[in-house]
PDB file of all heavy atoms in Angstrom:
ATOM      1  N   SER A   1       0.824  -1.251  -0.041  1.00  0.00           N
ATOM      2  CA  SER A   1       0.005   0.058  -0.085  1.00  0.00           C
ATOM      3  C   SER A   1       0.784   1.162   0.090  1.00  0.00           C
ATOM      4  O   SER A   1       0.351   2.365   0.104  1.00  0.00           O
ATOM      5  CB  SER A   1      -0.938   0.084   1.191  1.00  0.00           C
ATOM      6  OG  SER A   1      -0.246  -0.057   2.446  1.00  0.00           O
ATOM      7  N   GLY A   2       2.112   1.200  -0.007  1.00  0.00           N
ATOM      8  CA  GLY A   2       3.043   2.296  -0.101  1.00  0.00           C
ATOM      9  C   GLY A   2       3.769   2.670   1.170  1.00  0.00           C
ATOM     10  O   GLY A   2       4.468   3.722   1.100  1.00  0.00           O
ATOM     11  N   GLY A   3       3.516   2.041   2.245  1.00  0.00           N
ATOM     12  CA  GLY A   3       4.217   2.392   3.494  1.00  0.00           C
ATOM     13  C   GLY A   3       5.717   2.048   3.304  1.00  0.00           C
ATOM     14  O   GLY A   3       6.085   0.992   2.791  1.00  0.00           O
ATOM     15  N   ILE A   4       6.503   2.851   3.829  1.00  0.00           N
ATOM     16  CA  ILE A   4       7.862   2.572   3.634  1.00  0.00           C
ATOM     17  C   ILE A   4       8.622   3.018   4.946  1.00  0.00           C
ATOM     18  O   ILE A   4       8.235   3.883   5.710  1.00  0.00           O
ATOM     19  CB  ILE A   4       8.531   3.606   2.567  1.00  0.00           C
ATOM     20  CG1 ILE A   4      10.058   3.329   2.202  1.00  0.00           C
ATOM     21  CG2 ILE A   4       8.338   5.039   2.822  1.00  0.00           C
ATOM     22  CD1 ILE A   4      10.520   3.907   1.034  1.00  0.00           C
ATOM     23  N   ILE A   5       9.602   2.177   5.312  1.00  0.00           N
ATOM     24  CA  ILE A   5      10.446   2.500   6.396  1.00  0.00           C
ATOM     25  C   ILE A   5      11.947   2.813   6.012  1.00  0.00           C
ATOM     26  O   ILE A   5      12.317   2.397   4.986  1.00  0.00           O
ATOM     27  CB  ILE A   5      10.477   1.219   7.372  1.00  0.00           C
ATOM     28  CG1 ILE A   5      10.779   1.561   8.758  1.00  0.00           C
ATOM     29  CG2 ILE A   5      11.476   0.190   6.865  1.00  0.00           C
ATOM     30  CD1 ILE A   5      10.230   0.659   9.756  1.00  0.00           C
ATOM     31  N   SER A   6      12.468   3.800   6.782  1.00  0.00           N
ATOM     32  CA  SER A   6      13.803   4.294   6.605  1.00  0.00           C
ATOM     33  C   SER A   6      14.691   3.271   6.641  1.00  0.00           C
ATOM     34  O   SER A   6      14.576   2.119   7.361  1.00  0.00           O
ATOM     35  CB  SER A   6      14.073   5.553   7.379  1.00  0.00           C
ATOM     36  OG  SER A   6      14.247   5.117   8.760  1.00  0.00           O
ATOM     37  N   CYS A   7      16.039   3.562   6.309  1.00  0.00           N
ATOM     38  CA  CYS A   7      17.172   2.647   6.467  1.00  0.00           C
ATOM     39  C   CYS A   7      17.362   2.401   7.918  1.00  0.00           C
ATOM     40  O   CYS A   7      17.081   3.153   8.776  1.00  0.00           O
ATOM     41  CB  CYS A   7      18.351   3.113   5.793  1.00  0.00           C
ATOM     42  SG  CYS A   7      19.039   4.643   6.416  1.00  0.00           S
ATOM     43  N   ASP A   8      18.046   1.263   8.362  1.00  0.00           N
ATOM     44  CA  ASP A   8      18.312   0.857   9.638  1.00  0.00           C
ATOM     45  C   ASP A   8      19.386   1.811  10.132  1.00  0.00           C
ATOM     46  O   ASP A   8      20.568   1.597   9.672  1.00  0.00           O
ATOM     47  CB  ASP A   8      18.714  -0.583   9.721  1.00  0.00           C
ATOM     48  CG  ASP A   8      18.825  -1.190  11.034  1.00  0.00           C
ATOM     49  OD1 ASP A   8      18.532  -0.445  12.088  1.00  0.00           O
ATOM     50  OD2 ASP A   8      19.319  -2.301  11.263  1.00  0.00           O
ATOM     51  N   ASN A   9      19.190   2.582  11.112  1.00  0.00           N
ATOM     52  CA  ASN A   9      20.117   3.567  11.737  1.00  0.00           C
ATOM     53  C   ASN A   9      20.643   2.747  12.970  1.00  0.00           C
ATOM     54  O   ASN A   9      20.211   3.058  14.064  1.00  0.00           O
ATOM     55  CB  ASN A   9      19.442   4.792  12.047  1.00  0.00           C
ATOM     56  CG  ASN A   9      20.508   5.888  12.364  1.00  0.00           C
ATOM     57  OD1 ASN A   9      21.678   5.627  12.701  1.00  0.00           O
ATOM     58  ND2 ASN A   9      20.087   7.076  12.128  1.00  0.00           N
ATOM     59  N   ALA A  10      21.715   1.805  12.771  1.00  0.00           N
ATOM     60  CA  ALA A  10      22.116   1.131  13.826  1.00  0.00           C
ATOM     61  C   ALA A  10      23.341   1.879  14.567  1.00  0.00           C
ATOM     62  O   ALA A  10      24.172   2.488  13.932  1.00  0.00           O
ATOM     63  CB  ALA A  10      22.560  -0.191  13.343  1.00  0.00           C
ATOM     64  N   TRP A  11      23.402   1.672  15.832  1.00  0.00           N
ATOM     65  CA  TRP A  11      24.445   2.260  16.669  1.00  0.00           C
ATOM     66  C   TRP A  11      24.673   3.833  16.539  1.00  0.00           C
ATOM     67  O   TRP A  11      25.678   4.336  16.507  1.00  0.00           O
ATOM     68  CB  TRP A  11      25.851   1.456  16.301  1.00  0.00           C
ATOM     69  CG  TRP A  11      25.604   0.053  16.228  1.00  0.00           C
ATOM     70  CD1 TRP A  11      25.800  -0.754  15.132  1.00  0.00           C
ATOM     71  CD2 TRP A  11      25.453  -0.839  17.391  1.00  0.00           C
ATOM     72  NE1 TRP A  11      25.522  -2.011  15.544  1.00  0.00           N
ATOM     73  CE2 TRP A  11      25.313  -2.048  16.921  1.00  0.00           C
ATOM     74  CE3 TRP A  11      25.268  -0.551  18.738  1.00  0.00           C
ATOM     75  CZ2 TRP A  11      25.037  -3.217  17.699  1.00  0.00           C
ATOM     76  CZ3 TRP A  11      24.925  -1.697  19.524  1.00  0.00           C
ATOM     77  CH2 TRP A  11      24.890  -3.033  18.990  1.00  0.00           C
ATOM     78  N   GLY A  12      23.548   4.526  16.537  1.00  0.00           N
ATOM     79  CA  GLY A  12      23.606   5.844  16.558  1.00  0.00           C
ATOM     80  C   GLY A  12      22.359   6.393  17.438  1.00  0.00           C
ATOM     81  O   GLY A  12      21.897   5.692  18.485  1.00  0.00           O
ATOM     82  N   TYR A  13      21.926   7.637  17.143  1.00  0.00           N
ATOM     83  CA  TYR A  13      20.769   8.297  17.734  1.00  0.00           C
ATOM     84  C   TYR A  13      19.427   8.175  16.974  1.00  0.00           C
ATOM     85  O   TYR A  13      18.493   8.818  17.373  1.00  0.00           O
ATOM     86  CB  TYR A  13      21.126   9.804  18.069  1.00  0.00           C
ATOM     87  CG  TYR A  13      22.211   9.856  19.049  1.00  0.00           C
ATOM     88  CD1 TYR A  13      23.604  10.140  18.481  1.00  0.00           C
ATOM     89  CD2 TYR A  13      22.074   9.790  20.318  1.00  0.00           C
ATOM     90  CE1 TYR A  13      24.657  10.317  19.395  1.00  0.00           C
ATOM     91  CE2 TYR A  13      23.047  10.002  21.196  1.00  0.00           C
ATOM     92  CZ  TYR A  13      24.431  10.293  20.786  1.00  0.00           C
ATOM     93  OH  TYR A  13      25.430  10.565  21.675  1.00  0.00           O
ATOM     94  N   GLY A  14      19.478   7.555  15.785  1.00  0.00           N
ATOM     95  CA  GLY A  14      18.360   7.528  15.084  1.00  0.00           C
ATOM     96  C   GLY A  14      18.387   8.802  14.050  1.00  0.00           C
ATOM     97  O   GLY A  14      19.502   9.272  13.747  1.00  0.00           O
ATOM     98  N   PRO A  15      17.338   9.228  13.378  1.00  0.00           N
ATOM     99  CA  PRO A  15      15.973   8.586  13.559  1.00  0.00           C
ATOM    100  C   PRO A  15      15.678   7.434  12.728  1.00  0.00           C
ATOM    101  O   PRO A  15      16.465   7.060  11.757  1.00  0.00           O
ATOM    102  CB  PRO A  15      15.063   9.790  13.164  1.00  0.00           C
ATOM    103  CG  PRO A  15      15.932  10.374  12.212  1.00  0.00           C
ATOM    104  CD  PRO A  15      17.376  10.231  12.570  1.00  0.00           C
ATOM    105  N   GLU A  16      14.626   6.679  12.987  1.00  0.00           N
ATOM    106  CA  GLU A  16      14.027   5.703  12.021  1.00  0.00           C
ATOM    107  C   GLU A  16      12.585   6.132  11.849  1.00  0.00           C
ATOM    108  O   GLU A  16      12.027   6.536  12.842  1.00  0.00           O
ATOM    109  CB  GLU A  16      14.193   4.214  12.611  1.00  0.00           C
ATOM    110  CG  GLU A  16      15.559   3.824  12.616  1.00  0.00           C
ATOM    111  CD  GLU A  16      15.849   2.248  12.821  1.00  0.00           C
ATOM    112  OE1 GLU A  16      14.795   1.553  12.715  1.00  0.00           O
ATOM    113  OE2 GLU A  16      16.922   1.785  13.089  1.00  0.00           O
ATOM    114  N   GLU A  17      12.158   6.001  10.664  1.00  0.00           N
ATOM    115  CA  GLU A  17      10.860   6.598  10.418  1.00  0.00           C
ATOM    116  C   GLU A  17      10.031   5.649   9.424  1.00  0.00           C
ATOM    117  O   GLU A  17      10.650   4.964   8.620  1.00  0.00           O
ATOM    118  CB  GLU A  17      11.034   7.905   9.518  1.00  0.00           C
ATOM    119  CG  GLU A  17      11.626   9.002  10.377  1.00  0.00           C
ATOM    120  CD  GLU A  17      11.629  10.325   9.451  1.00  0.00           C
ATOM    121  OE1 GLU A  17      11.853  10.233   8.320  1.00  0.00           O
ATOM    122  OE2 GLU A  17      11.626  11.357  10.244  1.00  0.00           O
ATOM    123  N   TYR A  18       8.711   5.585   9.590  1.00  0.00           N
ATOM    124  CA  TYR A  18       7.701   4.977   8.781  1.00  0.00           C
ATOM    125  C   TYR A  18       6.884   6.131   8.269  1.00  0.00           C
ATOM    126  O   TYR A  18       6.495   6.985   8.942  1.00  0.00           O
ATOM    127  CB  TYR A  18       6.864   3.969   9.537  1.00  0.00           C
ATOM    128  CG  TYR A  18       5.740   3.557   8.757  1.00  0.00           C
ATOM    129  CD1 TYR A  18       5.589   2.497   7.976  1.00  0.00           C
ATOM    130  CD2 TYR A  18       4.456   4.207   8.938  1.00  0.00           C
ATOM    131  CE1 TYR A  18       4.632   1.968   7.254  1.00  0.00           C
ATOM    132  CE2 TYR A  18       3.294   3.854   8.221  1.00  0.00           C
ATOM    133  CZ  TYR A  18       3.557   2.685   7.444  1.00  0.00           C
ATOM    134  OH  TYR A  18       2.349   2.310   6.829  1.00  0.00           O
ATOM    135  N   MET A  19       6.660   6.003   6.869  1.00  0.00           N
ATOM    136  CA  MET A  19       5.749   7.045   6.235  1.00  0.00           C
ATOM    137  C   MET A  19       4.898   6.315   5.205  1.00  0.00           C
ATOM    138  O   MET A  19       5.270   5.387   4.664  1.00  0.00           O
ATOM    139  CB  MET A  19       6.486   8.086   5.515  1.00  0.00           C
ATOM    140  CG  MET A  19       7.208   9.115   6.542  1.00  0.00           C
ATOM    141  SD  MET A  19       7.952  10.503   5.711  1.00  0.00           S
ATOM    142  CE  MET A  19       9.365   9.813   4.728  1.00  0.00           C
ATOM    143  N   ILE A  20       3.591   6.777   5.139  1.00  0.00           N
ATOM    144  CA  ILE A  20       2.705   6.363   4.177  1.00  0.00           C
ATOM    145  C   ILE A  20       1.925   7.601   3.602  1.00  0.00           C
ATOM    146  O   ILE A  20       1.430   8.424   4.353  1.00  0.00           O
ATOM    147  CB  ILE A  20       1.760   5.285   4.629  1.00  0.00           C
ATOM    148  CG1 ILE A  20       0.973   4.766   3.494  1.00  0.00           C
ATOM    149  CG2 ILE A  20       0.881   5.781   5.752  1.00  0.00           C
ATOM    150  CD1 ILE A  20       0.310   3.296   3.897  1.00  0.00           C
ATOM    151  N   ARG A  21       1.939   7.671   2.226  1.00  0.00           N
ATOM    152  CA  ARG A  21       1.272   8.853   1.637  1.00  0.00           C
ATOM    153  C   ARG A  21      -0.243   8.908   1.806  1.00  0.00           C
ATOM    154  O   ARG A  21      -0.748   9.801   2.249  1.00  0.00           O
ATOM    155  CB  ARG A  21       1.610   8.940   0.104  1.00  0.00           C
ATOM    156  CG  ARG A  21       1.108  10.094  -0.530  1.00  0.00           C
ATOM    157  CD  ARG A  21       1.653  10.237  -1.990  1.00  0.00           C
ATOM    158  NE  ARG A  21       3.108  10.368  -2.041  1.00  0.00           N
ATOM    159  CZ  ARG A  21       3.748  11.471  -2.034  1.00  0.00           C
ATOM    160  NH1 ARG A  21       3.122  12.576  -1.923  1.00  0.00           N
ATOM    161  NH2 ARG A  21       5.070  11.559  -2.098  1.00  0.00           N
ATOM    162  N   VAL A  22      -0.773   7.654   1.514  1.00  0.00           N
ATOM    163  CA  VAL A  22      -2.290   7.465   1.706  1.00  0.00           C
ATOM    164  C   VAL A  22      -2.542   6.295   2.652  1.00  0.00           C
ATOM    165  O   VAL A  22      -2.372   5.230   2.260  1.00  0.00           O
ATOM    166  CB  VAL A  22      -3.005   7.230   0.206  1.00  0.00           C
ATOM    167  CG1 VAL A  22      -4.416   7.070   0.430  1.00  0.00           C
ATOM    168  CG2 VAL A  22      -2.602   8.376  -0.733  1.00  0.00           C
ATOM    169  N   ALA A  23      -2.769   6.663   3.802  1.00  0.00           N
ATOM    170  CA  ALA A  23      -3.067   5.622   4.884  1.00  0.00           C
ATOM    171  C   ALA A  23      -4.466   4.926   4.613  1.00  0.00           C
ATOM    172  O   ALA A  23      -5.410   5.594   4.337  1.00  0.00           O
ATOM    173  CB  ALA A  23      -3.003   6.226   6.262  1.00  0.00           C
ATOM    174  N   GLN A  24      -4.403   3.694   4.761  1.00  0.00           N
ATOM    175  CA  GLN A  24      -5.498   2.776   4.670  1.00  0.00           C
ATOM    176  C   GLN A  24      -6.330   2.955   5.960  1.00  0.00           C
ATOM    177  O   GLN A  24      -5.721   3.186   7.077  1.00  0.00           O
ATOM    178  CB  GLN A  24      -5.147   1.291   4.380  1.00  0.00           C
ATOM    179  CG  GLN A  24      -4.420   1.191   3.137  1.00  0.00           C
ATOM    180  CD  GLN A  24      -5.201   1.703   1.872  1.00  0.00           C
ATOM    181  OE1 GLN A  24      -6.274   1.459   1.566  1.00  0.00           O
ATOM    182  NE2 GLN A  24      -4.430   2.573   1.183  1.00  0.00           N
ATOM    183  N   PRO A  25      -7.705   2.919   5.956  1.00  0.00           N
ATOM    184  CA  PRO A  25      -8.440   2.906   7.199  1.00  0.00           C
ATOM    185  C   PRO A  25      -8.100   1.749   8.152  1.00  0.00           C
ATOM    186  O   PRO A  25      -7.913   0.643   7.560  1.00  0.00           O
ATOM    187  CB  PRO A  25      -9.859   3.040   6.901  1.00  0.00           C
ATOM    188  CG  PRO A  25      -9.918   2.652   5.288  1.00  0.00           C
ATOM    189  CD  PRO A  25      -8.496   2.809   4.730  1.00  0.00           C
ATOM    190  N   GLY A  26      -8.032   2.020   9.412  1.00  0.00           N
ATOM    191  CA  GLY A  26      -7.956   0.845  10.285  1.00  0.00           C
ATOM    192  C   GLY A  26      -6.817   1.129  11.387  1.00  0.00           C
ATOM    193  O   GLY A  26      -6.303   2.303  11.350  1.00  0.00           O
ATOM    194  N   GLN A  27      -6.507   0.165  12.085  1.00  0.00           N
ATOM    195  CA  GLN A  27      -5.519   0.394  13.057  1.00  0.00           C
ATOM    196  C   GLN A  27      -4.044   0.033  12.642  1.00  0.00           C
ATOM    197  O   GLN A  27      -3.943  -0.922  11.877  1.00  0.00           O
ATOM    198  CB  GLN A  27      -5.774  -0.619  14.262  1.00  0.00           C
ATOM    199  CG  GLN A  27      -6.944  -0.157  15.038  1.00  0.00           C
ATOM    200  CD  GLN A  27      -7.068  -0.867  16.350  1.00  0.00           C
ATOM    201  OE1 GLN A  27      -6.776  -1.996  16.486  1.00  0.00           O
ATOM    202  NE2 GLN A  27      -7.658  -0.266  17.349  1.00  0.00           N
ATOM    203  N   TYR A  28      -3.149   0.750  12.928  1.00  0.00           N
ATOM    204  CA  TYR A  28      -1.730   0.635  12.733  1.00  0.00           C
ATOM    205  C   TYR A  28      -1.033   0.243  14.042  1.00  0.00           C
ATOM    206  O   TYR A  28      -1.279   0.957  15.044  1.00  0.00           O
ATOM    207  CB  TYR A  28      -1.113   1.829  12.171  1.00  0.00           C
ATOM    208  CG  TYR A  28      -1.512   2.149  10.683  1.00  0.00           C
ATOM    209  CD1 TYR A  28      -2.738   2.681  10.330  1.00  0.00           C
ATOM    210  CD2 TYR A  28      -0.591   1.805   9.673  1.00  0.00           C
ATOM    211  CE1 TYR A  28      -3.126   2.925   9.102  1.00  0.00           C
ATOM    212  CE2 TYR A  28      -0.932   2.082   8.325  1.00  0.00           C
ATOM    213  CZ  TYR A  28      -2.192   2.587   8.066  1.00  0.00           C
ATOM    214  OH  TYR A  28      -2.573   2.767   6.785  1.00  0.00           O
ATOM    215  N   LYS A  29      -0.276  -0.779  14.032  1.00  0.00           N
ATOM    216  CA  LYS A  29       0.469  -1.095  15.306  1.00  0.00           C
ATOM    217  C   LYS A  29       1.957  -0.750  15.121  1.00  0.00           C
ATOM    218  O   LYS A  29       2.542  -1.183  14.195  1.00  0.00           O
ATOM    219  CB  LYS A  29       0.222  -2.656  15.537  1.00  0.00           C
ATOM    220  CG  LYS A  29       0.973  -3.149  16.758  1.00  0.00           C
ATOM    221  CD  LYS A  29       0.698  -4.576  17.013  1.00  0.00           C
ATOM    222  CE  LYS A  29       1.516  -5.163  18.086  1.00  0.00           C
ATOM    223  NZ  LYS A  29       1.236  -6.565  18.254  1.00  0.00           N
ATOM    224  N   MET A  30       2.389   0.044  16.015  1.00  0.00           N
ATOM    225  CA  MET A  30       3.850   0.349  16.016  1.00  0.00           C
ATOM    226  C   MET A  30       4.571  -0.267  17.156  1.00  0.00           C
ATOM    227  O   MET A  30       4.181  -0.389  18.198  1.00  0.00           O
ATOM    228  CB  MET A  30       4.063   1.881  16.190  1.00  0.00           C
ATOM    229  CG  MET A  30       5.435   2.441  16.257  1.00  0.00           C
ATOM    230  SD  MET A  30       5.566   4.020  16.806  1.00  0.00           S
ATOM    231  CE  MET A  30       5.827   3.841  18.501  1.00  0.00           C
ATOM    232  N   GLN A  31       5.697  -0.839  16.793  1.00  0.00           N
ATOM    233  CA  GLN A  31       6.640  -1.634  17.780  1.00  0.00           C
ATOM    234  C   GLN A  31       8.044  -1.124  17.671  1.00  0.00           C
ATOM    235  O   GLN A  31       8.474  -0.858  16.555  1.00  0.00           O
ATOM    236  CB  GLN A  31       6.583  -3.018  17.549  1.00  0.00           C
ATOM    237  CG  GLN A  31       5.133  -3.693  17.741  1.00  0.00           C
ATOM    238  CD  GLN A  31       5.066  -5.161  17.453  1.00  0.00           C
ATOM    239  OE1 GLN A  31       4.988  -5.398  16.220  1.00  0.00           O
ATOM    240  NE2 GLN A  31       5.093  -6.090  18.469  1.00  0.00           N
ATOM    241  N   VAL A  32       8.695  -1.124  18.799  1.00  0.00           N
ATOM    242  CA  VAL A  32      10.025  -0.606  18.883  1.00  0.00           C
ATOM    243  C   VAL A  32      10.828  -1.753  19.532  1.00  0.00           C
ATOM    244  O   VAL A  32      10.352  -2.132  20.620  1.00  0.00           O
ATOM    245  CB  VAL A  32      10.391   0.716  19.507  1.00  0.00           C
ATOM    246  CG1 VAL A  32      11.746   0.956  19.520  1.00  0.00           C
ATOM    247  CG2 VAL A  32       9.484   1.751  18.866  1.00  0.00           C
ATOM    248  N   GLN A  33      11.882  -2.332  18.860  1.00  0.00           N
ATOM    249  CA  GLN A  33      12.620  -3.439  19.499  1.00  0.00           C
ATOM    250  C   GLN A  33      14.069  -2.898  19.848  1.00  0.00           C
ATOM    251  O   GLN A  33      14.673  -2.378  18.993  1.00  0.00           O
ATOM    252  CB  GLN A  33      12.730  -4.557  18.503  1.00  0.00           C
ATOM    253  CG  GLN A  33      13.560  -5.648  19.099  1.00  0.00           C
ATOM    254  CD  GLN A  33      13.644  -6.917  18.049  1.00  0.00           C
ATOM    255  OE1 GLN A  33      13.216  -6.794  16.965  1.00  0.00           O
ATOM    256  NE2 GLN A  33      14.210  -7.992  18.542  1.00  0.00           N
ATOM    257  N   PHE A  34      14.362  -3.042  21.045  1.00  0.00           N
ATOM    258  CA  PHE A  34      15.816  -2.896  21.384  1.00  0.00           C
ATOM    259  C   PHE A  34      16.697  -3.939  20.929  1.00  0.00           C
ATOM    260  O   PHE A  34      16.518  -5.081  21.300  1.00  0.00           O
ATOM    261  CB  PHE A  34      15.937  -2.776  23.070  1.00  0.00           C
ATOM    262  CG  PHE A  34      17.249  -2.702  23.501  1.00  0.00           C
ATOM    263  CD1 PHE A  34      18.007  -1.446  23.390  1.00  0.00           C
ATOM    264  CD2 PHE A  34      17.972  -3.778  24.077  1.00  0.00           C
ATOM    265  CE1 PHE A  34      19.374  -1.327  23.832  1.00  0.00           C
ATOM    266  CE2 PHE A  34      19.263  -3.640  24.518  1.00  0.00           C
ATOM    267  CZ  PHE A  34      19.996  -2.476  24.350  1.00  0.00           C
ATOM    268  N   VAL A  35      17.645  -3.692  20.135  1.00  0.00           N
ATOM    269  CA  VAL A  35      18.481  -4.704  19.515  1.00  0.00           C
ATOM    270  C   VAL A  35      19.776  -4.820  20.277  1.00  0.00           C
ATOM    271  O   VAL A  35      20.281  -5.921  20.550  1.00  0.00           O
ATOM    272  CB  VAL A  35      18.784  -4.455  18.053  1.00  0.00           C
ATOM    273  CG1 VAL A  35      19.792  -5.412  17.459  1.00  0.00           C
ATOM    274  CG2 VAL A  35      17.500  -4.294  17.230  1.00  0.00           C
TER     275      VAL A  35
END
């Protein structure tokens, strides 16, 4: 549906981003994992 996540910013301060130009209706679940 066009959602995109930025490159993996490992061993820094970030950022990491998810963006979608036209969001589909419904729930989005965001998770953050400590690697």
